[in-house]
PDB file of all heavy atoms in Angstrom:
ATOM      1  N   ILE A   1     -15.801  21.491 -14.644  1.00  0.00           N
ATOM      2  CA  ILE A   1     -14.955  22.482 -15.213  1.00  0.00           C
ATOM      3  C   ILE A   1     -13.511  22.036 -15.241  1.00  0.00           C
ATOM      4  O   ILE A   1     -12.804  22.186 -16.224  1.00  0.00           O
ATOM      5  CB  ILE A   1     -15.071  23.761 -14.364  1.00  0.00           C
ATOM      6  CG1 ILE A   1     -16.510  24.483 -14.634  1.00  0.00           C
ATOM      7  CG2 ILE A   1     -14.003  24.840 -14.871  1.00  0.00           C
ATOM      8  CD1 ILE A   1     -16.844  25.671 -13.940  1.00  0.00           C
ATOM      9  N   ALA A   2     -13.130  21.312 -14.133  1.00  0.00           N
ATOM     10  CA  ALA A   2     -11.714  20.819 -14.091  1.00  0.00           C
ATOM     11  C   ALA A   2     -11.444  19.808 -15.177  1.00  0.00           C
ATOM     12  O   ALA A   2     -10.423  19.814 -15.837  1.00  0.00           O
ATOM     13  CB  ALA A   2     -11.509  20.173 -12.685  1.00  0.00           C
ATOM     14  N   GLU A   3     -12.465  19.044 -15.427  1.00  0.00           N
ATOM     15  CA  GLU A   3     -12.298  18.017 -16.583  1.00  0.00           C
ATOM     16  C   GLU A   3     -12.137  18.643 -17.895  1.00  0.00           C
ATOM     17  O   GLU A   3     -11.356  18.307 -18.753  1.00  0.00           O
ATOM     18  CB  GLU A   3     -13.430  17.032 -16.535  1.00  0.00           C
ATOM     19  CG  GLU A   3     -13.485  16.064 -15.349  1.00  0.00           C
ATOM     20  CD  GLU A   3     -14.820  15.230 -15.323  1.00  0.00           C
ATOM     21  OE1 GLU A   3     -15.773  15.704 -15.785  1.00  0.00           O
ATOM     22  OE2 GLU A   3     -14.671  14.183 -14.649  1.00  0.00           O
ATOM     23  N   PHE A   4     -12.964  19.673 -18.093  1.00  0.00           N
ATOM     24  CA  PHE A   4     -12.862  20.407 -19.413  1.00  0.00           C
ATOM     25  C   PHE A   4     -11.479  21.029 -19.538  1.00  0.00           C
ATOM     26  O   PHE A   4     -10.822  21.001 -20.568  1.00  0.00           O
ATOM     27  CB  PHE A   4     -14.007  21.474 -19.502  1.00  0.00           C
ATOM     28  CG  PHE A   4     -13.773  22.311 -20.735  1.00  0.00           C
ATOM     29  CD1 PHE A   4     -14.108  21.871 -21.949  1.00  0.00           C
ATOM     30  CD2 PHE A   4     -13.373  23.606 -20.480  1.00  0.00           C
ATOM     31  CE1 PHE A   4     -13.898  22.685 -23.023  1.00  0.00           C
ATOM     32  CE2 PHE A   4     -13.262  24.468 -21.625  1.00  0.00           C
ATOM     33  CZ  PHE A   4     -13.491  23.971 -22.871  1.00  0.00           C
ATOM     34  N   LEU A   5     -11.054  21.823 -18.482  1.00  0.00           N
ATOM     35  CA  LEU A   5      -9.961  22.568 -18.596  1.00  0.00           C
ATOM     36  C   LEU A   5      -8.603  21.702 -18.706  1.00  0.00           C
ATOM     37  O   LEU A   5      -7.706  21.912 -19.510  1.00  0.00           O
ATOM     38  CB  LEU A   5      -9.703  23.452 -17.346  1.00  0.00           C
ATOM     39  CG  LEU A   5     -10.615  24.627 -17.226  1.00  0.00           C
ATOM     40  CD1 LEU A   5     -10.416  25.314 -15.813  1.00  0.00           C
ATOM     41  CD2 LEU A   5     -10.319  25.652 -18.359  1.00  0.00           C
ATOM     42  N   SER A   6      -8.627  20.546 -18.063  1.00  0.00           N
ATOM     43  CA  SER A   6      -7.471  19.667 -18.095  1.00  0.00           C
ATOM     44  C   SER A   6      -7.248  19.124 -19.459  1.00  0.00           C
ATOM     45  O   SER A   6      -6.092  18.857 -19.921  1.00  0.00           O
ATOM     46  CB  SER A   6      -7.597  18.541 -17.110  1.00  0.00           C
ATOM     47  OG  SER A   6      -8.623  17.656 -17.456  1.00  0.00           O
ATOM     48  N   LYS A   7      -8.289  18.804 -20.226  1.00  0.00           N
ATOM     49  CA  LYS A   7      -8.194  18.403 -21.554  1.00  0.00           C
ATOM     50  C   LYS A   7      -7.634  19.371 -22.554  1.00  0.00           C
ATOM     51  O   LYS A   7      -7.168  19.138 -23.562  1.00  0.00           O
ATOM     52  CB  LYS A   7      -9.542  17.906 -22.070  1.00  0.00           C
ATOM     53  CG  LYS A   7      -9.902  16.586 -21.322  1.00  0.00           C
ATOM     54  CD  LYS A   7     -11.302  16.161 -21.759  1.00  0.00           C
ATOM     55  CE  LYS A   7     -11.716  14.998 -20.946  1.00  0.00           C
ATOM     56  NZ  LYS A   7     -13.073  14.753 -20.863  1.00  0.00           N
ATOM     57  N   LYS A   8      -7.701  20.654 -22.138  1.00  0.00           N
ATOM     58  CA  LYS A   8      -7.321  21.743 -23.094  1.00  0.00           C
ATOM     59  C   LYS A   8      -5.937  22.249 -22.704  1.00  0.00           C
ATOM     60  O   LYS A   8      -5.246  23.029 -23.377  1.00  0.00           O
ATOM     61  CB  LYS A   8      -8.326  22.922 -23.014  1.00  0.00           C
ATOM     62  CG  LYS A   8      -9.693  22.600 -23.284  1.00  0.00           C
ATOM     63  CD  LYS A   8      -9.883  22.245 -24.825  1.00  0.00           C
ATOM     64  CE  LYS A   8     -11.229  21.945 -25.310  1.00  0.00           C
ATOM     65  NZ  LYS A   8     -11.335  21.640 -26.628  1.00  0.00           N
ATOM     66  N   MET A   9      -5.339  21.877 -21.603  1.00  0.00           N
ATOM     67  CA  MET A   9      -4.158  22.390 -21.115  1.00  0.00           C
ATOM     68  C   MET A   9      -2.913  21.675 -21.619  1.00  0.00           C
ATOM     69  O   MET A   9      -2.908  20.525 -22.048  1.00  0.00           O
ATOM     70  CB  MET A   9      -4.065  22.306 -19.569  1.00  0.00           C
ATOM     71  CG  MET A   9      -5.102  23.256 -18.916  1.00  0.00           C
ATOM     72  SD  MET A   9      -5.150  23.097 -17.113  1.00  0.00           S
ATOM     73  CE  MET A   9      -3.790  24.076 -16.766  1.00  0.00           C
ATOM     74  N   SER A  10      -1.856  22.465 -21.851  1.00  0.00           N
ATOM     75  CA  SER A  10      -0.630  21.951 -22.233  1.00  0.00           C
ATOM     76  C   SER A  10       0.154  21.377 -21.173  1.00  0.00           C
ATOM     77  O   SER A  10      -0.165  21.445 -20.016  1.00  0.00           O
ATOM     78  CB  SER A  10       0.250  23.094 -22.926  1.00  0.00           C
ATOM     79  OG  SER A  10       0.578  23.908 -21.859  1.00  0.00           O
ATOM     80  N   TYR A  11       1.136  20.630 -21.478  1.00  0.00           N
ATOM     81  CA  TYR A  11       2.150  20.039 -20.533  1.00  0.00           C
ATOM     82  C   TYR A  11       2.690  21.152 -19.560  1.00  0.00           C
ATOM     83  O   TYR A  11       2.567  21.006 -18.332  1.00  0.00           O
ATOM     84  CB  TYR A  11       3.245  19.357 -21.166  1.00  0.00           C
ATOM     85  CG  TYR A  11       4.355  18.832 -20.249  1.00  0.00           C
ATOM     86  CD1 TYR A  11       4.255  17.555 -19.739  1.00  0.00           C
ATOM     87  CD2 TYR A  11       5.540  19.529 -19.945  1.00  0.00           C
ATOM     88  CE1 TYR A  11       5.257  17.055 -18.842  1.00  0.00           C
ATOM     89  CE2 TYR A  11       6.477  19.022 -19.117  1.00  0.00           C
ATOM     90  CZ  TYR A  11       6.269  17.778 -18.589  1.00  0.00           C
ATOM     91  OH  TYR A  11       7.257  17.320 -17.787  1.00  0.00           O
ATOM     92  N   GLN A  12       3.048  22.258 -20.100  1.00  0.00           N
ATOM     93  CA  GLN A  12       3.586  23.373 -19.368  1.00  0.00           C
ATOM     94  C   GLN A  12       2.538  23.862 -18.366  1.00  0.00           C
ATOM     95  O   GLN A  12       2.808  24.263 -17.235  1.00  0.00           O
ATOM     96  CB  GLN A  12       4.093  24.496 -20.213  1.00  0.00           C
ATOM     97  CG  GLN A  12       5.429  24.157 -20.974  1.00  0.00           C
ATOM     98  CD  GLN A  12       5.074  23.349 -22.231  1.00  0.00           C
ATOM     99  OE1 GLN A  12       3.913  23.175 -22.567  1.00  0.00           O
ATOM    100  NE2 GLN A  12       6.180  22.843 -22.822  1.00  0.00           N
ATOM    101  N   ASP A  13       1.239  24.124 -18.884  1.00  0.00           N
ATOM    102  CA  ASP A  13       0.273  24.623 -18.032  1.00  0.00           C
ATOM    103  C   ASP A  13      -0.157  23.661 -16.873  1.00  0.00           C
ATOM    104  O   ASP A  13      -0.419  24.108 -15.772  1.00  0.00           O
ATOM    105  CB  ASP A  13      -1.017  24.849 -18.827  1.00  0.00           C
ATOM    106  CG  ASP A  13      -0.864  25.982 -19.919  1.00  0.00           C
ATOM    107  OD1 ASP A  13      -0.013  26.846 -19.668  1.00  0.00           O
ATOM    108  OD2 ASP A  13      -1.620  25.962 -20.874  1.00  0.00           O
ATOM    109  N   LEU A  14      -0.140  22.431 -17.064  1.00  0.00           N
ATOM    110  CA  LEU A  14      -0.452  21.331 -16.072  1.00  0.00           C
ATOM    111  C   LEU A  14       0.654  21.300 -15.009  1.00  0.00           C
ATOM    112  O   LEU A  14       0.485  21.012 -13.904  1.00  0.00           O
ATOM    113  CB  LEU A  14      -0.613  20.017 -16.668  1.00  0.00           C
ATOM    114  CG  LEU A  14      -1.952  19.772 -17.337  1.00  0.00           C
ATOM    115  CD1 LEU A  14      -1.985  18.525 -18.155  1.00  0.00           C
ATOM    116  CD2 LEU A  14      -3.140  19.894 -16.381  1.00  0.00           C
ATOM    117  N   ASN A  15       1.876  21.683 -15.444  1.00  0.00           N
ATOM    118  CA  ASN A  15       3.035  21.611 -14.554  1.00  0.00           C
ATOM    119  C   ASN A  15       3.229  22.801 -13.652  1.00  0.00           C
ATOM    120  O   ASN A  15       4.159  22.897 -12.857  1.00  0.00           O
ATOM    121  CB  ASN A  15       4.383  21.426 -15.348  1.00  0.00           C
ATOM    122  CG  ASN A  15       4.672  19.981 -15.421  1.00  0.00           C
ATOM    123  OD1 ASN A  15       5.041  19.349 -14.518  1.00  0.00           O
ATOM    124  ND2 ASN A  15       4.478  19.477 -16.758  1.00  0.00           N
ATOM    125  N   VAL A  16       2.326  23.777 -13.663  1.00  0.00           N
ATOM    126  CA  VAL A  16       2.360  25.068 -12.860  1.00  0.00           C
ATOM    127  C   VAL A  16       2.178  24.650 -11.457  1.00  0.00           C
ATOM    128  O   VAL A  16       1.440  23.748 -11.054  1.00  0.00           O
ATOM    129  CB  VAL A  16       1.259  25.962 -13.278  1.00  0.00           C
ATOM    130  CG1 VAL A  16       1.194  27.207 -12.268  1.00  0.00           C
ATOM    131  CG2 VAL A  16       1.608  26.588 -14.641  1.00  0.00           C
ATOM    132  N   MET A  17       3.062  25.244 -10.585  1.00  0.00           N
ATOM    133  CA  MET A  17       2.973  25.014  -9.175  1.00  0.00           C
ATOM    134  C   MET A  17       2.461  26.305  -8.500  1.00  0.00           C
ATOM    135  O   MET A  17       2.939  27.427  -8.990  1.00  0.00           O
ATOM    136  CB  MET A  17       4.228  24.564  -8.616  1.00  0.00           C
ATOM    137  CG  MET A  17       4.642  23.224  -9.128  1.00  0.00           C
ATOM    138  SD  MET A  17       6.113  22.475  -8.478  1.00  0.00           S
ATOM    139  CE  MET A  17       5.491  21.700  -7.017  1.00  0.00           C
ATOM    140  N   ASP A  18       1.715  26.257  -7.409  1.00  0.00           N
ATOM    141  CA  ASP A  18       1.268  27.536  -6.841  1.00  0.00           C
ATOM    142  C   ASP A  18       2.289  28.020  -5.871  1.00  0.00           C
ATOM    143  O   ASP A  18       3.351  27.546  -5.813  1.00  0.00           O
ATOM    144  CB  ASP A  18      -0.144  27.261  -6.144  1.00  0.00           C
ATOM    145  CG  ASP A  18      -0.068  26.333  -4.879  1.00  0.00           C
ATOM    146  OD1 ASP A  18       1.017  26.026  -4.416  1.00  0.00           O
ATOM    147  OD2 ASP A  18      -1.146  26.074  -4.397  1.00  0.00           O
ATOM    148  N   ASN A  19       1.899  29.161  -5.149  1.00  0.00           N
ATOM    149  CA  ASN A  19       2.882  29.770  -4.210  1.00  0.00           C
ATOM    150  C   ASN A  19       3.386  28.878  -3.024  1.00  0.00           C
ATOM    151  O   ASN A  19       4.488  29.109  -2.517  1.00  0.00           O
ATOM    152  CB  ASN A  19       2.257  31.025  -3.627  1.00  0.00           C
ATOM    153  CG  ASN A  19       1.969  32.009  -4.758  1.00  0.00           C
ATOM    154  OD1 ASN A  19       2.280  31.920  -5.822  1.00  0.00           O
ATOM    155  ND2 ASN A  19       1.189  33.067  -4.369  1.00  0.00           N
ATOM    156  N   ALA A  20       2.637  27.866  -2.846  1.00  0.00           N
ATOM    157  CA  ALA A  20       3.047  26.935  -1.836  1.00  0.00           C
ATOM    158  C   ALA A  20       3.740  25.648  -2.442  1.00  0.00           C
ATOM    159  O   ALA A  20       3.986  24.670  -1.747  1.00  0.00           O
ATOM    160  CB  ALA A  20       1.870  26.379  -0.917  1.00  0.00           C
ATOM    161  N   GLN A  21       4.118  25.794  -3.677  1.00  0.00           N
ATOM    162  CA  GLN A  21       4.773  24.801  -4.474  1.00  0.00           C
ATOM    163  C   GLN A  21       3.995  23.468  -4.624  1.00  0.00           C
ATOM    164  O   GLN A  21       4.506  22.428  -4.674  1.00  0.00           O
ATOM    165  CB  GLN A  21       6.148  24.434  -3.918  1.00  0.00           C
ATOM    166  CG  GLN A  21       7.127  25.582  -4.005  1.00  0.00           C
ATOM    167  CD  GLN A  21       7.430  26.016  -5.446  1.00  0.00           C
ATOM    168  OE1 GLN A  21       6.939  27.016  -5.847  1.00  0.00           O
ATOM    169  NE2 GLN A  21       8.106  25.205  -6.276  1.00  0.00           N
ATOM    170  N   ARG A  22       2.683  23.729  -4.643  1.00  0.00           N
ATOM    171  CA  ARG A  22       1.706  22.526  -4.876  1.00  0.00           C
ATOM    172  C   ARG A  22       1.304  22.496  -6.314  1.00  0.00           C
ATOM    173  O   ARG A  22       0.994  23.517  -6.836  1.00  0.00           O
ATOM    174  CB  ARG A  22       0.415  22.610  -4.006  1.00  0.00           C
ATOM    175  CG  ARG A  22       0.802  22.496  -2.506  1.00  0.00           C
ATOM    176  CD  ARG A  22      -0.544  22.738  -1.695  1.00  0.00           C
ATOM    177  NE  ARG A  22      -0.900  24.192  -1.963  1.00  0.00           N
ATOM    178  CZ  ARG A  22      -1.331  25.013  -1.059  1.00  0.00           C
ATOM    179  NH1 ARG A  22      -1.465  24.586   0.216  1.00  0.00           N
ATOM    180  NH2 ARG A  22      -1.704  26.297  -1.336  1.00  0.00           N
ATOM    181  N   ASN A  23       1.193  21.314  -6.836  1.00  0.00           N
ATOM    182  CA  ASN A  23       0.645  21.204  -8.236  1.00  0.00           C
ATOM    183  C   ASN A  23      -0.853  20.673  -8.078  1.00  0.00           C
ATOM    184  O   ASN A  23      -1.322  20.574  -6.881  1.00  0.00           O
ATOM    185  CB  ASN A  23       1.447  20.154  -9.168  1.00  0.00           C
ATOM    186  CG  ASN A  23       1.423  18.834  -8.564  1.00  0.00           C
ATOM    187  OD1 ASN A  23       0.437  18.263  -8.092  1.00  0.00           O
ATOM    188  ND2 ASN A  23       2.556  18.206  -8.526  1.00  0.00           N
ATOM    189  N   VAL A  24      -1.566  20.622  -9.223  1.00  0.00           N
ATOM    190  CA  VAL A  24      -2.939  20.193  -9.120  1.00  0.00           C
ATOM    191  C   VAL A  24      -3.259  18.930  -8.401  1.00  0.00           C
ATOM    192  O   VAL A  24      -4.297  18.812  -7.760  1.00  0.00           O
ATOM    193  CB  VAL A  24      -3.636  20.220 -10.560  1.00  0.00           C
ATOM    194  CG1 VAL A  24      -3.046  19.204 -11.389  1.00  0.00           C
ATOM    195  CG2 VAL A  24      -5.092  20.386 -10.505  1.00  0.00           C
ATOM    196  N   LEU A  25      -2.325  17.901  -8.598  1.00  0.00           N
ATOM    197  CA  LEU A  25      -2.563  16.667  -7.852  1.00  0.00           C
ATOM    198  C   LEU A  25      -2.365  16.760  -6.309  1.00  0.00           C
ATOM    199  O   LEU A  25      -3.069  16.162  -5.598  1.00  0.00           O
ATOM    200  CB  LEU A  25      -1.538  15.543  -8.323  1.00  0.00           C
ATOM    201  CG  LEU A  25      -1.755  15.211  -9.728  1.00  0.00           C
ATOM    202  CD1 LEU A  25      -0.766  14.084 -10.213  1.00  0.00           C
ATOM    203  CD2 LEU A  25      -3.223  14.556 -10.057  1.00  0.00           C
ATOM    204  N   HIS A  26      -1.385  17.560  -5.855  1.00  0.00           N
ATOM    205  CA  HIS A  26      -1.347  17.888  -4.462  1.00  0.00           C
ATOM    206  C   HIS A  26      -2.670  18.496  -3.937  1.00  0.00           C
ATOM    207  O   HIS A  26      -3.241  18.120  -2.869  1.00  0.00           O
ATOM    208  CB  HIS A  26      -0.337  19.061  -4.223  1.00  0.00           C
ATOM    209  CG  HIS A  26       1.120  18.670  -4.331  1.00  0.00           C
ATOM    210  ND1 HIS A  26       1.946  19.018  -5.329  1.00  0.00           N
ATOM    211  CD2 HIS A  26       1.857  17.883  -3.528  1.00  0.00           C
ATOM    212  CE1 HIS A  26       3.178  18.493  -5.164  1.00  0.00           C
ATOM    213  NE2 HIS A  26       3.068  17.742  -4.126  1.00  0.00           N
ATOM    214  N   MET A  27      -3.231  19.408  -4.733  1.00  0.00           N
ATOM    215  CA  MET A  27      -4.467  20.034  -4.376  1.00  0.00           C
ATOM    216  C   MET A  27      -5.666  19.049  -4.279  1.00  0.00           C
ATOM    217  O   MET A  27      -6.508  19.060  -3.399  1.00  0.00           O
ATOM    218  CB  MET A  27      -4.867  21.262  -5.306  1.00  0.00           C
ATOM    219  CG  MET A  27      -3.944  22.353  -5.161  1.00  0.00           C
ATOM    220  SD  MET A  27      -4.393  23.685  -6.178  1.00  0.00           S
ATOM    221  CE  MET A  27      -5.934  24.358  -5.300  1.00  0.00           C
ATOM    222  N   MET A  28      -5.719  18.198  -5.289  1.00  0.00           N
ATOM    223  CA  MET A  28      -6.709  17.213  -5.217  1.00  0.00           C
ATOM    224  C   MET A  28      -6.678  16.216  -4.066  1.00  0.00           C
ATOM    225  O   MET A  28      -7.690  15.835  -3.412  1.00  0.00           O
ATOM    226  CB  MET A  28      -6.676  16.332  -6.639  1.00  0.00           C
ATOM    227  CG  MET A  28      -7.114  17.242  -7.774  1.00  0.00           C
ATOM    228  SD  MET A  28      -6.988  16.258  -9.253  1.00  0.00           S
ATOM    229  CE  MET A  28      -8.594  15.504  -9.305  1.00  0.00           C
ATOM    230  N   ALA A  29      -5.383  15.926  -3.662  1.00  0.00           N
ATOM    231  CA  ALA A  29      -5.196  15.055  -2.506  1.00  0.00           C
ATOM    232  C   ALA A  29      -5.513  15.781  -1.221  1.00  0.00           C
ATOM    233  O   ALA A  29      -6.304  15.387  -0.384  1.00  0.00           O
ATOM    234  CB  ALA A  29      -3.678  14.614  -2.401  1.00  0.00           C
ATOM    235  N   PHE A  30      -5.097  17.082  -1.037  1.00  0.00           N
ATOM    236  CA  PHE A  30      -5.359  17.859   0.092  1.00  0.00           C
ATOM    237  C   PHE A  30      -6.918  18.151   0.247  1.00  0.00           C
ATOM    238  O   PHE A  30      -7.347  18.087   1.455  1.00  0.00           O
ATOM    239  CB  PHE A  30      -4.661  19.139   0.135  1.00  0.00           C
ATOM    240  CG  PHE A  30      -4.764  20.006   1.256  1.00  0.00           C
ATOM    241  CD1 PHE A  30      -3.867  19.654   2.440  1.00  0.00           C
ATOM    242  CD2 PHE A  30      -5.666  21.030   1.356  1.00  0.00           C
ATOM    243  CE1 PHE A  30      -3.994  20.368   3.604  1.00  0.00           C
ATOM    244  CE2 PHE A  30      -5.791  21.709   2.597  1.00  0.00           C
ATOM    245  CZ  PHE A  30      -4.929  21.491   3.693  1.00  0.00           C
ATOM    246  N   LEU A  31      -7.555  18.344  -0.799  1.00  0.00           N
ATOM    247  CA  LEU A  31      -8.966  18.777  -0.675  1.00  0.00           C
ATOM    248  C   LEU A  31     -10.001  17.516  -0.896  1.00  0.00           C
ATOM    249  O   LEU A  31     -11.098  17.723  -0.959  1.00  0.00           O
ATOM    250  CB  LEU A  31      -9.287  19.856  -1.762  1.00  0.00           C
ATOM    251  CG  LEU A  31      -8.567  21.153  -1.620  1.00  0.00           C
ATOM    252  CD1 LEU A  31      -8.667  21.945  -2.784  1.00  0.00           C
ATOM    253  CD2 LEU A  31      -9.035  21.796  -0.367  1.00  0.00           C
ATOM    254  N   ASP A  32      -9.399  16.342  -0.912  1.00  0.00           N
ATOM    255  CA  ASP A  32     -10.211  15.141  -1.101  1.00  0.00           C
ATOM    256  C   ASP A  32     -11.096  15.173  -2.261  1.00  0.00           C
ATOM    257  O   ASP A  32     -12.381  15.013  -2.159  1.00  0.00           O
ATOM    258  CB  ASP A  32     -11.020  14.921   0.269  1.00  0.00           C
ATOM    259  CG  ASP A  32     -11.670  13.508   0.147  1.00  0.00           C
ATOM    260  OD1 ASP A  32     -11.220  12.549  -0.534  1.00  0.00           O
ATOM    261  OD2 ASP A  32     -12.623  13.250   1.005  1.00  0.00           O
ATOM    262  N   ARG A  33     -10.562  15.262  -3.444  1.00  0.00           N
ATOM    263  CA  ARG A  33     -11.156  15.218  -4.743  1.00  0.00           C
ATOM    264  C   ARG A  33     -10.871  13.873  -5.413  1.00  0.00           C
ATOM    265  O   ARG A  33      -9.918  13.818  -6.230  1.00  0.00           O
ATOM    266  CB  ARG A  33     -10.806  16.350  -5.574  1.00  0.00           C
ATOM    267  CG  ARG A  33     -10.892  17.745  -4.981  1.00  0.00           C
ATOM    268  CD  ARG A  33     -12.368  18.116  -4.819  1.00  0.00           C
ATOM    269  NE  ARG A  33     -12.493  19.498  -4.512  1.00  0.00           N
ATOM    270  CZ  ARG A  33     -12.874  19.930  -3.287  1.00  0.00           C
ATOM    271  NH1 ARG A  33     -13.166  19.110  -2.367  1.00  0.00           N
ATOM    272  NH2 ARG A  33     -12.973  21.244  -2.981  1.00  0.00           N
ATOM    273  N   PRO A  34     -11.517  12.741  -5.115  1.00  0.00           N
ATOM    274  CA  PRO A  34     -11.284  11.443  -5.747  1.00  0.00           C
ATOM    275  C   PRO A  34     -11.863  11.352  -7.061  1.00  0.00           C
ATOM    276  O   PRO A  34     -12.950  10.734  -7.344  1.00  0.00           O
ATOM    277  CB  PRO A  34     -11.889  10.460  -4.682  1.00  0.00           C
ATOM    278  CG  PRO A  34     -13.139  11.294  -4.106  1.00  0.00           C
ATOM    279  CD  PRO A  34     -12.679  12.776  -4.105  1.00  0.00           C
ATOM    280  N   TRP A  35     -11.176  12.017  -8.034  1.00  0.00           N
ATOM    281  CA  TRP A  35     -11.724  12.065  -9.425  1.00  0.00           C
ATOM    282  C   TRP A  35     -10.731  11.256 -10.223  1.00  0.00           C
ATOM    283  O   TRP A  35      -9.713  11.687 -10.880  1.00  0.00           O
ATOM    284  CB  TRP A  35     -11.789  13.447  -9.861  1.00  0.00           C
ATOM    285  CG  TRP A  35     -12.679  14.317  -9.129  1.00  0.00           C
ATOM    286  CD1 TRP A  35     -13.761  13.973  -8.203  1.00  0.00           C
ATOM    287  CD2 TRP A  35     -12.550  15.777  -8.999  1.00  0.00           C
ATOM    288  NE1 TRP A  35     -14.263  15.196  -7.659  1.00  0.00           N
ATOM    289  CE2 TRP A  35     -13.617  16.242  -8.239  1.00  0.00           C
ATOM    290  CE3 TRP A  35     -11.782  16.774  -9.624  1.00  0.00           C
ATOM    291  CZ2 TRP A  35     -13.957  17.527  -7.808  1.00  0.00           C
ATOM    292  CZ3 TRP A  35     -11.950  18.093  -9.329  1.00  0.00           C
ATOM    293  CH2 TRP A  35     -13.125  18.434  -8.599  1.00  0.00           C
ATOM    294  N   PRO A  36     -10.961   9.917 -10.272  1.00  0.00           N
ATOM    295  CA  PRO A  36      -9.939   8.897 -10.844  1.00  0.00           C
ATOM    296  C   PRO A  36      -9.572   9.213 -12.288  1.00  0.00           C
ATOM    297  O   PRO A  36      -8.439   9.314 -12.722  1.00  0.00           O
ATOM    298  CB  PRO A  36     -10.546   7.602 -10.724  1.00  0.00           C
ATOM    299  CG  PRO A  36     -11.857   7.695 -10.170  1.00  0.00           C
ATOM    300  CD  PRO A  36     -12.098   9.160  -9.733  1.00  0.00           C
ATOM    301  N   GLN A  37     -10.636   9.539 -13.229  1.00  0.00           N
ATOM    302  CA  GLN A  37     -10.277   9.751 -14.593  1.00  0.00           C
ATOM    303  C   GLN A  37      -9.565  11.014 -14.746  1.00  0.00           C
ATOM    304  O   GLN A  37      -8.499  11.009 -15.554  1.00  0.00           O
ATOM    305  CB  GLN A  37     -11.619   9.832 -15.376  1.00  0.00           C
ATOM    306  CG  GLN A  37     -11.266   9.763 -16.862  1.00  0.00           C
ATOM    307  CD  GLN A  37     -10.536   8.626 -17.396  1.00  0.00           C
ATOM    308  OE1 GLN A  37     -11.045   7.470 -17.137  1.00  0.00           O
ATOM    309  NE2 GLN A  37      -9.524   8.786 -18.003  1.00  0.00           N
ATOM    310  N   LEU A  38      -9.830  12.102 -14.034  1.00  0.00           N
ATOM    311  CA  LEU A  38      -9.175  13.316 -14.150  1.00  0.00           C
ATOM    312  C   LEU A  38      -7.750  13.135 -13.637  1.00  0.00           C
ATOM    313  O   LEU A  38      -6.759  13.551 -14.308  1.00  0.00           O
ATOM    314  CB  LEU A  38      -9.826  14.388 -13.365  1.00  0.00           C
ATOM    315  CG  LEU A  38      -9.130  15.894 -13.379  1.00  0.00           C
ATOM    316  CD1 LEU A  38      -9.061  16.338 -14.802  1.00  0.00           C
ATOM    317  CD2 LEU A  38      -9.982  16.756 -12.603  1.00  0.00           C
ATOM    318  N   MET A  39      -7.507  12.422 -12.572  1.00  0.00           N
ATOM    319  CA  MET A  39      -6.162  12.219 -12.031  1.00  0.00           C
ATOM    320  C   MET A  39      -5.299  11.392 -12.972  1.00  0.00           C
ATOM    321  O   MET A  39      -4.222  11.672 -13.229  1.00  0.00           O
ATOM    322  CB  MET A  39      -6.205  11.569 -10.655  1.00  0.00           C
ATOM    323  CG  MET A  39      -6.853  12.357  -9.595  1.00  0.00           C
ATOM    324  SD  MET A  39      -7.074  11.478  -8.071  1.00  0.00           S
ATOM    325  CE  MET A  39      -6.164  12.510  -7.032  1.00  0.00           C
ATOM    326  N   GLN A  40      -5.990  10.355 -13.690  1.00  0.00           N
ATOM    327  CA  GLN A  40      -5.239   9.532 -14.645  1.00  0.00           C
ATOM    328  C   GLN A  40      -4.945  10.364 -15.803  1.00  0.00           C
ATOM    329  O   GLN A  40      -3.702  10.387 -16.320  1.00  0.00           O
ATOM    330  CB  GLN A  40      -6.083   8.387 -14.977  1.00  0.00           C
ATOM    331  CG  GLN A  40      -5.444   7.333 -16.064  1.00  0.00           C
ATOM    332  CD  GLN A  40      -6.322   6.330 -16.334  1.00  0.00           C
ATOM    333  OE1 GLN A  40      -7.227   5.842 -15.764  1.00  0.00           O
ATOM    334  NE2 GLN A  40      -5.849   5.617 -17.495  1.00  0.00           N
ATOM    335  N   ASP A  41      -5.809  11.191 -16.292  1.00  0.00           N
ATOM    336  CA  ASP A  41      -5.485  12.042 -17.465  1.00  0.00           C
ATOM    337  C   ASP A  41      -4.405  12.952 -17.215  1.00  0.00           C
ATOM    338  O   ASP A  41      -3.423  13.186 -18.048  1.00  0.00           O
ATOM    339  CB  ASP A  41      -6.718  12.889 -17.916  1.00  0.00           C
ATOM    340  CG  ASP A  41      -7.921  11.928 -18.484  1.00  0.00           C
ATOM    341  OD1 ASP A  41      -7.575  10.763 -18.678  1.00  0.00           O
ATOM    342  OD2 ASP A  41      -9.014  12.452 -18.515  1.00  0.00           O
TER     343      ASP A  41
END
């Protein structure tokens, strides 16, 4: 689902930060999601 959504999202949507000021890459690091292609995209 993450791969599908990321391909559909705009620059502004990907730049959203949550209430703790984390972006999606922060979350992937914190939650140990080693998804190289998604991170690269």
